[in-house]
Amino acid sequence: MSQIADQVQEALNKHEALFRLIPAGTFLYRVQPSRHDANPVNYRADSDTRYADPARQVGVYYLGFTEEVAVAESFQPGQGIEGQPVRLSHLEQTSLHLLKTARELCVVDVAALANRTTHHKIRDMVQAKGQGREGYALTQEISQACMLHRRVDGLVYQSAVYTITGSMKGCNVVLFEGRSKQVKAISHQPVMAAVLANGETVIELLDSLGVAVE
């Protein structure tokens, strides 16, 4: 294993404070293409996202602790192309899903792990520079090391686009494939029909966050 992977493994074996427990029955949220509404829980092994398995063997599944986080994470200007607005047609083809944990989940706190092991600032963990394998090399390597621990269901990390200080309401969770059932789907609705807990529509939330929709 690499030096980073060794550090992660050692830290997980040594520091119980790195683990967080998400109670059974906790509500989680996800935005995804409406074509998957009938089967919303899909772990992607071929993902090239921030906490994906670089070996493409273990699938990952991302969720937010609030509707606002799920929406903010899913609709960013240009989806990685700076200066381009979010397309209205994109919103019209997506759904907001409500799920809940099927059992107590054990996840690793990425911020705590960064402090203990990698000597990288937390912004390097949450906002890895660039896209794909090169930009996410560090975070994917850390995730892969955590996947080796069968106790670990996934990672919890602060949203980079909808931050709430000191609260899980500003966090995401990425779950790892190959564990006993982690979540179950409850309901879904078209993103354009959703009214969020704060009373805003999705477009109103995005506008308040400075995200243009065209």
C-alpha atoms as a PDB file:
ATOM      1  CA  MET A   1       0.000   0.000   0.000  1.00  0.00           C
ATOM      2  CA  SER A   2       0.988   3.647  -0.395  1.00  0.00           C
ATOM      3  CA  GLN A   3       2.104   5.833   2.487  1.00  0.00           C
ATOM      4  CA  ILE A   4      -1.309   7.536   2.636  1.00  0.00           C
ATOM      5  CA  ALA A   5      -3.118   4.183   2.692  1.00  0.00           C
ATOM      6  CA  ASP A   6      -0.830   2.946   5.465  1.00  0.00           C
ATOM      7  CA  GLN A   7      -1.518   6.088   7.494  1.00  0.00           C
ATOM      8  CA  VAL A   8      -5.271   5.674   7.047  1.00  0.00           C
ATOM      9  CA  GLN A   9      -5.194   2.027   8.060  1.00  0.00           C
ATOM     10  CA  GLU A  10      -3.130   2.785  11.143  1.00  0.00           C
ATOM     11  CA  ALA A  11      -5.405   5.660  12.157  1.00  0.00           C
ATOM     12  CA  LEU A  12      -8.588   3.610  11.793  1.00  0.00           C
ATOM     13  CA  ASN A  13      -7.131   0.881  13.966  1.00  0.00           C
ATOM     14  CA  LYS A  14      -5.964   3.332  16.610  1.00  0.00           C
ATOM     15  CA  HIS A  15      -8.500   6.175  16.888  1.00  0.00           C
ATOM     16  CA  GLU A  16     -12.120   5.350  17.703  1.00  0.00           C
ATOM     17  CA  ALA A  17     -12.913   9.066  17.433  1.00  0.00           C
ATOM     18  CA  LEU A  18     -12.658   8.803  13.638  1.00  0.00           C
ATOM     19  CA  PHE A  19     -15.907   6.854  13.462  1.00  0.00           C
ATOM     20  CA  ARG A  20     -19.429   8.281  13.470  1.00  0.00           C
ATOM     21  CA  LEU A  21     -22.616   6.270  13.911  1.00  0.00           C
ATOM     22  CA  ILE A  22     -25.704   7.176  11.878  1.00  0.00           C
ATOM     23  CA  PRO A  23     -28.799   5.810  13.655  1.00  0.00           C
ATOM     24  CA  ALA A  24     -31.211   3.435  11.938  1.00  0.00           C
ATOM     25  CA  GLY A  25     -34.150   5.331  10.463  1.00  0.00           C
ATOM     26  CA  THR A  26     -32.152   8.490   9.658  1.00  0.00           C
ATOM     27  CA  PHE A  27     -33.551  10.307   6.622  1.00  0.00           C
ATOM     28  CA  LEU A  28     -31.181  10.947   3.713  1.00  0.00           C
ATOM     29  CA  TYR A  29     -31.713  12.626   0.347  1.00  0.00           C
ATOM     30  CA  ARG A  30     -30.487  12.168  -3.189  1.00  0.00           C
ATOM     31  CA  VAL A  31     -30.982  13.910  -6.532  1.00  0.00           C
ATOM     32  CA  GLN A  32     -30.568  11.716  -9.591  1.00  0.00           C
ATOM     33  CA  PRO A  33     -31.938  11.236 -13.135  1.00  0.00           C
ATOM     34  CA  SER A  34     -35.632  10.414 -13.192  1.00  0.00           C
ATOM     35  CA  ARG A  35     -34.961   7.410 -15.415  1.00  0.00           C
ATOM     36  CA  HIS A  36     -33.717   5.640 -12.258  1.00  0.00           C
ATOM     37  CA  ASP A  37     -36.828   6.366 -10.178  1.00  0.00           C
ATOM     38  CA  ALA A  38     -37.940   2.729 -10.150  1.00  0.00           C
ATOM     39  CA  ASN A  39     -34.582   1.556  -8.783  1.00  0.00           C
ATOM     40  CA  PRO A  40     -32.998   4.530  -7.005  1.00  0.00           C
ATOM     41  CA  VAL A  41     -30.344   2.748  -4.921  1.00  0.00           C
ATOM     42  CA  ASN A  42     -27.481   2.199  -7.342  1.00  0.00           C
ATOM     43  CA  TYR A  43     -23.865   1.828  -6.269  1.00  0.00           C
ATOM     44  CA  ARG A  44     -21.498   2.739  -9.099  1.00  0.00           C
ATOM     45  CA  ALA A  45     -18.196   0.913  -9.318  1.00  0.00           C
ATOM     46  CA  ASP A  46     -17.315   2.786 -12.524  1.00  0.00           C
ATOM     47  CA  SER A  47     -17.681   6.182 -10.850  1.00  0.00           C
ATOM     48  CA  ASP A  48     -14.834   8.676 -11.185  1.00  0.00           C
ATOM     49  CA  THR A  49     -16.062  10.897  -8.376  1.00  0.00           C
ATOM     50  CA  ARG A  50     -14.269  12.328  -5.331  1.00  0.00           C
ATOM     51  CA  TYR A  51     -14.532   9.229  -3.142  1.00  0.00           C
ATOM     52  CA  ALA A  52     -14.799   6.518  -5.782  1.00  0.00           C
ATOM     53  CA  ASP A  53     -12.690   3.377  -5.720  1.00  0.00           C
ATOM     54  CA  PRO A  54      -9.733   4.011  -8.073  1.00  0.00           C
ATOM     55  CA  ALA A  55      -9.610   0.246  -8.743  1.00  0.00           C
ATOM     56  CA  ARG A  56     -13.262   0.343  -9.879  1.00  0.00           C
ATOM     57  CA  GLN A  57     -14.145  -2.677  -7.745  1.00  0.00           C
ATOM     58  CA  VAL A  58     -16.330  -1.195  -5.000  1.00  0.00           C
ATOM     59  CA  GLY A  59     -19.347   0.886  -5.954  1.00  0.00           C
ATOM     60  CA  VAL A  60     -20.194   4.153  -4.209  1.00  0.00           C
ATOM     61  CA  TYR A  61     -23.507   5.886  -3.488  1.00  0.00           C
ATOM     62  CA  TYR A  62     -23.777   9.557  -2.471  1.00  0.00           C
ATOM     63  CA  LEU A  63     -26.504  11.113  -0.317  1.00  0.00           C
ATOM     64  CA  GLY A  64     -27.106  14.347   1.583  1.00  0.00           C
ATOM     65  CA  PHE A  65     -28.347  14.765   5.129  1.00  0.00           C
ATOM     66  CA  THR A  66     -30.805  17.431   3.933  1.00  0.00           C
ATOM     67  CA  GLU A  67     -32.707  18.202   0.748  1.00  0.00           C
ATOM     68  CA  GLU A  68     -30.770  21.448   0.456  1.00  0.00           C
ATOM     69  CA  VAL A  69     -27.405  19.681   0.484  1.00  0.00           C
ATOM     70  CA  ALA A  70     -28.555  17.100  -2.077  1.00  0.00           C
ATOM     71  CA  VAL A  71     -29.810  19.832  -4.399  1.00  0.00           C
ATOM     72  CA  ALA A  72     -26.832  22.151  -3.962  1.00  0.00           C
ATOM     73  CA  GLU A  73     -24.371  19.314  -4.595  1.00  0.00           C
ATOM     74  CA  SER A  74     -26.225  18.140  -7.705  1.00  0.00           C
ATOM     75  CA  PHE A  75     -26.708  21.428  -9.541  1.00  0.00           C
ATOM     76  CA  GLN A  76     -23.531  23.399  -9.986  1.00  0.00           C
ATOM     77  CA  PRO A  77     -22.825  25.882 -12.803  1.00  0.00           C
ATOM     78  CA  GLY A  78     -21.738  24.036 -15.922  1.00  0.00           C
ATOM     79  CA  GLN A  79     -21.332  20.819 -13.934  1.00  0.00           C
ATOM     80  CA  GLY A  80     -17.613  21.511 -13.821  1.00  0.00           C
ATOM     81  CA  ILE A  81     -17.424  23.959 -16.736  1.00  0.00           C
ATOM     82  CA  GLU A  82     -16.861  27.387 -15.224  1.00  0.00           C
ATOM     83  CA  GLY A  83     -19.215  30.155 -16.283  1.00  0.00           C
ATOM     84  CA  GLN A  84     -21.962  27.967 -17.694  1.00  0.00           C
ATOM     85  CA  PRO A  85     -25.375  28.049 -15.996  1.00  0.00           C
ATOM     86  CA  VAL A  86     -27.348  25.035 -14.845  1.00  0.00           C
ATOM     87  CA  ARG A  87     -29.724  23.996 -17.607  1.00  0.00           C
ATOM     88  CA  LEU A  88     -33.442  24.016 -16.864  1.00  0.00           C
ATOM     89  CA  SER A  89     -33.734  20.883 -18.988  1.00  0.00           C
ATOM     90  CA  HIS A  90     -31.378  19.152 -16.537  1.00  0.00           C
ATOM     91  CA  LEU A  91     -33.640  19.989 -13.608  1.00  0.00           C
ATOM     92  CA  GLU A  92     -36.674  18.770 -15.523  1.00  0.00           C
ATOM     93  CA  GLN A  93     -35.106  15.329 -15.984  1.00  0.00           C
ATOM     94  CA  THR A  94     -34.201  14.713 -12.344  1.00  0.00           C
ATOM     95  CA  SER A  95     -35.965  13.598  -9.177  1.00  0.00           C
ATOM     96  CA  LEU A  96     -35.462  14.222  -5.465  1.00  0.00           C
ATOM     97  CA  HIS A  97     -35.453  10.988  -3.480  1.00  0.00           C
ATOM     98  CA  LEU A  98     -36.130  10.455   0.206  1.00  0.00           C
ATOM     99  CA  LEU A  99     -34.429   7.436   1.752  1.00  0.00           C
ATOM    100  CA  LYS A 100     -33.700   6.267   5.269  1.00  0.00           C
ATOM    101  CA  THR A 101     -31.036   4.126   6.832  1.00  0.00           C
ATOM    102  CA  ALA A 102     -32.031   0.474   7.138  1.00  0.00           C
ATOM    103  CA  ARG A 103     -29.761  -0.032  10.161  1.00  0.00           C
ATOM    104  CA  GLU A 104     -27.149   1.820  12.159  1.00  0.00           C
ATOM    105  CA  LEU A 105     -24.315   2.817   9.845  1.00  0.00           C
ATOM    106  CA  CYS A 106     -20.670   3.238  10.805  1.00  0.00           C
ATOM    107  CA  VAL A 107     -18.920   5.916   8.759  1.00  0.00           C
ATOM    108  CA  VAL A 108     -15.514   7.588   8.891  1.00  0.00           C
ATOM    109  CA  ASP A 109     -15.372  11.334   9.487  1.00  0.00           C
ATOM    110  CA  VAL A 110     -13.233  12.678   6.645  1.00  0.00           C
ATOM    111  CA  ALA A 111     -12.356  15.889   8.508  1.00  0.00           C
ATOM    112  CA  ALA A 112     -11.175  13.976  11.568  1.00  0.00           C
ATOM    113  CA  LEU A 113      -9.229  11.573   9.374  1.00  0.00           C
ATOM    114  CA  ALA A 114      -7.506  14.442   7.569  1.00  0.00           C
ATOM    115  CA  ASN A 115      -6.474  15.986  10.873  1.00  0.00           C
ATOM    116  CA  ARG A 116      -5.057  12.737  12.227  1.00  0.00           C
ATOM    117  CA  THR A 117      -3.345  11.143   9.278  1.00  0.00           C
ATOM    118  CA  THR A 118      -2.703  12.866   5.985  1.00  0.00           C
ATOM    119  CA  HIS A 119      -1.375  16.278   7.053  1.00  0.00           C
ATOM    120  CA  HIS A 120      -3.524  17.821   4.321  1.00  0.00           C
ATOM    121  CA  LYS A 121      -5.851  20.735   4.985  1.00  0.00           C
ATOM    122  CA  ILE A 122      -9.515  19.827   5.023  1.00  0.00           C
ATOM    123  CA  ARG A 123     -10.126  21.941   1.895  1.00  0.00           C
ATOM    124  CA  ASP A 124      -7.846  19.560   0.010  1.00  0.00           C
ATOM    125  CA  MET A 125     -10.057  16.697   1.106  1.00  0.00           C
ATOM    126  CA  VAL A 126     -13.410  18.311   0.291  1.00  0.00           C
ATOM    127  CA  GLN A 127     -12.479  20.469  -2.684  1.00  0.00           C
ATOM    128  CA  ALA A 128      -9.889  18.402  -4.510  1.00  0.00           C
ATOM    129  CA  LYS A 129      -8.488  20.434  -7.383  1.00  0.00           C
ATOM    130  CA  GLY A 130      -9.489  19.424 -10.889  1.00  0.00           C
ATOM    131  CA  GLN A 131     -11.718  16.657 -12.147  1.00  0.00           C
ATOM    132  CA  GLY A 132     -11.473  12.914 -12.536  1.00  0.00           C
ATOM    133  CA  ARG A 133      -8.624  10.638 -11.551  1.00  0.00           C
ATOM    134  CA  GLU A 134      -5.906  13.311 -11.370  1.00  0.00           C
ATOM    135  CA  GLY A 135      -7.890  15.831  -9.343  1.00  0.00           C
ATOM    136  CA  TYR A 136      -9.393  13.246  -7.008  1.00  0.00           C
ATOM    137  CA  ALA A 137      -6.340  11.039  -6.600  1.00  0.00           C
ATOM    138  CA  LEU A 138      -5.851  11.839  -2.900  1.00  0.00           C
ATOM    139  CA  THR A 139      -9.484  11.508  -1.839  1.00  0.00           C
ATOM    140  CA  GLN A 140      -9.969   8.314  -3.852  1.00  0.00           C
ATOM    141  CA  GLU A 141      -6.882   6.784  -2.273  1.00  0.00           C
ATOM    142  CA  ILE A 142      -8.189   7.596   1.208  1.00  0.00           C
ATOM    143  CA  SER A 143     -11.612   6.189   0.351  1.00  0.00           C
ATOM    144  CA  GLN A 144     -10.104   2.999  -1.023  1.00  0.00           C
ATOM    145  CA  ALA A 145      -8.153   2.478   2.210  1.00  0.00           C
ATOM    146  CA  CYS A 146     -11.339   2.910   4.245  1.00  0.00           C
ATOM    147  CA  MET A 147     -13.141   0.386   2.042  1.00  0.00           C
ATOM    148  CA  LEU A 148     -10.798  -2.326   3.286  1.00  0.00           C
ATOM    149  CA  HIS A 149     -12.344  -2.055   6.757  1.00  0.00           C
ATOM    150  CA  ARG A 150     -15.474  -4.176   6.696  1.00  0.00           C
ATOM    151  CA  ARG A 151     -16.772  -2.287   9.722  1.00  0.00           C
ATOM    152  CA  VAL A 152     -16.900   0.901   7.646  1.00  0.00           C
ATOM    153  CA  ASP A 153     -20.081   1.614   5.684  1.00  0.00           C
ATOM    154  CA  GLY A 154     -18.761   4.785   4.107  1.00  0.00           C
ATOM    155  CA  LEU A 155     -17.549   8.331   4.731  1.00  0.00           C
ATOM    156  CA  VAL A 156     -19.194  11.487   6.045  1.00  0.00           C
ATOM    157  CA  TYR A 157     -17.872  14.833   4.826  1.00  0.00           C
ATOM    158  CA  GLN A 158     -18.840  18.480   4.832  1.00  0.00           C
ATOM    159  CA  SER A 159     -20.508  19.892   1.745  1.00  0.00           C
ATOM    160  CA  ALA A 160     -18.286  22.292  -0.154  1.00  0.00           C
ATOM    161  CA  VAL A 161     -21.290  24.190  -1.578  1.00  0.00           C
ATOM    162  CA  TYR A 162     -23.810  24.223   1.293  1.00  0.00           C
ATOM    163  CA  THR A 163     -21.876  24.515   4.539  1.00  0.00           C
ATOM    164  CA  ILE A 164     -23.540  24.687   7.948  1.00  0.00           C
ATOM    165  CA  THR A 165     -21.008  25.021  10.740  1.00  0.00           C
ATOM    166  CA  GLY A 166     -21.141  22.346  13.410  1.00  0.00           C
ATOM    167  CA  SER A 167     -24.089  20.458  11.969  1.00  0.00           C
ATOM    168  CA  MET A 168     -24.648  17.249  10.051  1.00  0.00           C
ATOM    169  CA  LYS A 169     -27.218  19.252   8.061  1.00  0.00           C
ATOM    170  CA  GLY A 170     -24.303  20.554   5.997  1.00  0.00           C
ATOM    171  CA  CYS A 171     -22.835  17.122   5.304  1.00  0.00           C
ATOM    172  CA  ASN A 172     -22.892  14.364   2.715  1.00  0.00           C
ATOM    173  CA  VAL A 173     -22.360  10.666   3.124  1.00  0.00           C
ATOM    174  CA  VAL A 174     -20.889   8.304   0.553  1.00  0.00           C
ATOM    175  CA  LEU A 175     -21.739   4.645   1.133  1.00  0.00           C
ATOM    176  CA  PHE A 176     -19.657   1.668   0.029  1.00  0.00           C
ATOM    177  CA  GLU A 177     -21.001  -1.332  -1.843  1.00  0.00           C
ATOM    178  CA  GLY A 178     -20.705  -4.852  -0.456  1.00  0.00           C
ATOM    179  CA  ARG A 179     -22.129  -4.258   3.023  1.00  0.00           C
ATOM    180  CA  SER A 180     -25.456  -5.497   4.371  1.00  0.00           C
ATOM    181  CA  LYS A 181     -28.412  -3.344   3.333  1.00  0.00           C
ATOM    182  CA  GLN A 182     -27.690   0.270   4.227  1.00  0.00           C
ATOM    183  CA  VAL A 183     -30.637   2.337   2.982  1.00  0.00           C
ATOM    184  CA  LYS A 184     -34.144   1.871   1.692  1.00  0.00           C
ATOM    185  CA  ALA A 185     -36.082   4.150  -0.635  1.00  0.00           C
ATOM    186  CA  ILE A 186     -39.156   5.886   0.802  1.00  0.00           C
ATOM    187  CA  SER A 187     -40.480   8.247  -1.868  1.00  0.00           C
ATOM    188  CA  HIS A 188     -39.489  10.541  -4.713  1.00  0.00           C
ATOM    189  CA  GLN A 189     -40.793  13.518  -6.645  1.00  0.00           C
ATOM    190  CA  PRO A 190     -39.723  15.560  -9.672  1.00  0.00           C
ATOM    191  CA  VAL A 191     -37.174  18.194  -8.698  1.00  0.00           C
ATOM    192  CA  MET A 192     -39.283  20.898 -10.325  1.00  0.00           C
ATOM    193  CA  ALA A 193     -42.268  19.969  -8.111  1.00  0.00           C
ATOM    194  CA  ALA A 194     -40.329  19.863  -4.855  1.00  0.00           C
ATOM    195  CA  VAL A 195     -40.883  22.348  -2.054  1.00  0.00           C
ATOM    196  CA  LEU A 196     -38.010  22.107   0.394  1.00  0.00           C
ATOM    197  CA  ALA A 197     -38.259  22.089   4.177  1.00  0.00           C
ATOM    198  CA  ASN A 198     -37.486  25.814   4.289  1.00  0.00           C
ATOM    199  CA  GLY A 199     -40.391  26.569   1.946  1.00  0.00           C
ATOM    200  CA  GLU A 200     -38.260  27.283  -1.117  1.00  0.00           C
ATOM    201  CA  THR A 201     -38.520  25.647  -4.496  1.00  0.00           C
ATOM    202  CA  VAL A 202     -35.343  24.166  -5.949  1.00  0.00           C
ATOM    203  CA  ILE A 203     -34.938  27.108  -8.328  1.00  0.00           C
ATOM    204  CA  GLU A 204     -35.368  29.565  -5.433  1.00  0.00           C
ATOM    205  CA  LEU A 205     -32.708  27.737  -3.410  1.00  0.00           C
ATOM    206  CA  LEU A 206     -30.261  27.712  -6.312  1.00  0.00           C
ATOM    207  CA  ASP A 207     -30.891  31.415  -6.938  1.00  0.00           C
ATOM    208  CA  SER A 208     -30.163  32.189  -3.279  1.00  0.00           C
ATOM    209  CA  LEU A 209     -26.873  30.287  -3.635  1.00  0.00           C
ATOM    210  CA  GLY A 210     -25.921  32.315  -6.709  1.00  0.00           C
ATOM    211  CA  VAL A 211     -26.473  29.453  -9.149  1.00  0.00           C
ATOM    212  CA  ALA A 212     -27.972  30.663 -12.439  1.00  0.00           C
ATOM    213  CA  VAL A 213     -30.567  28.469 -14.132  1.00  0.00           C
ATOM    214  CA  GLU A 214     -31.340  28.913 -17.839  1.00  0.00           C
END
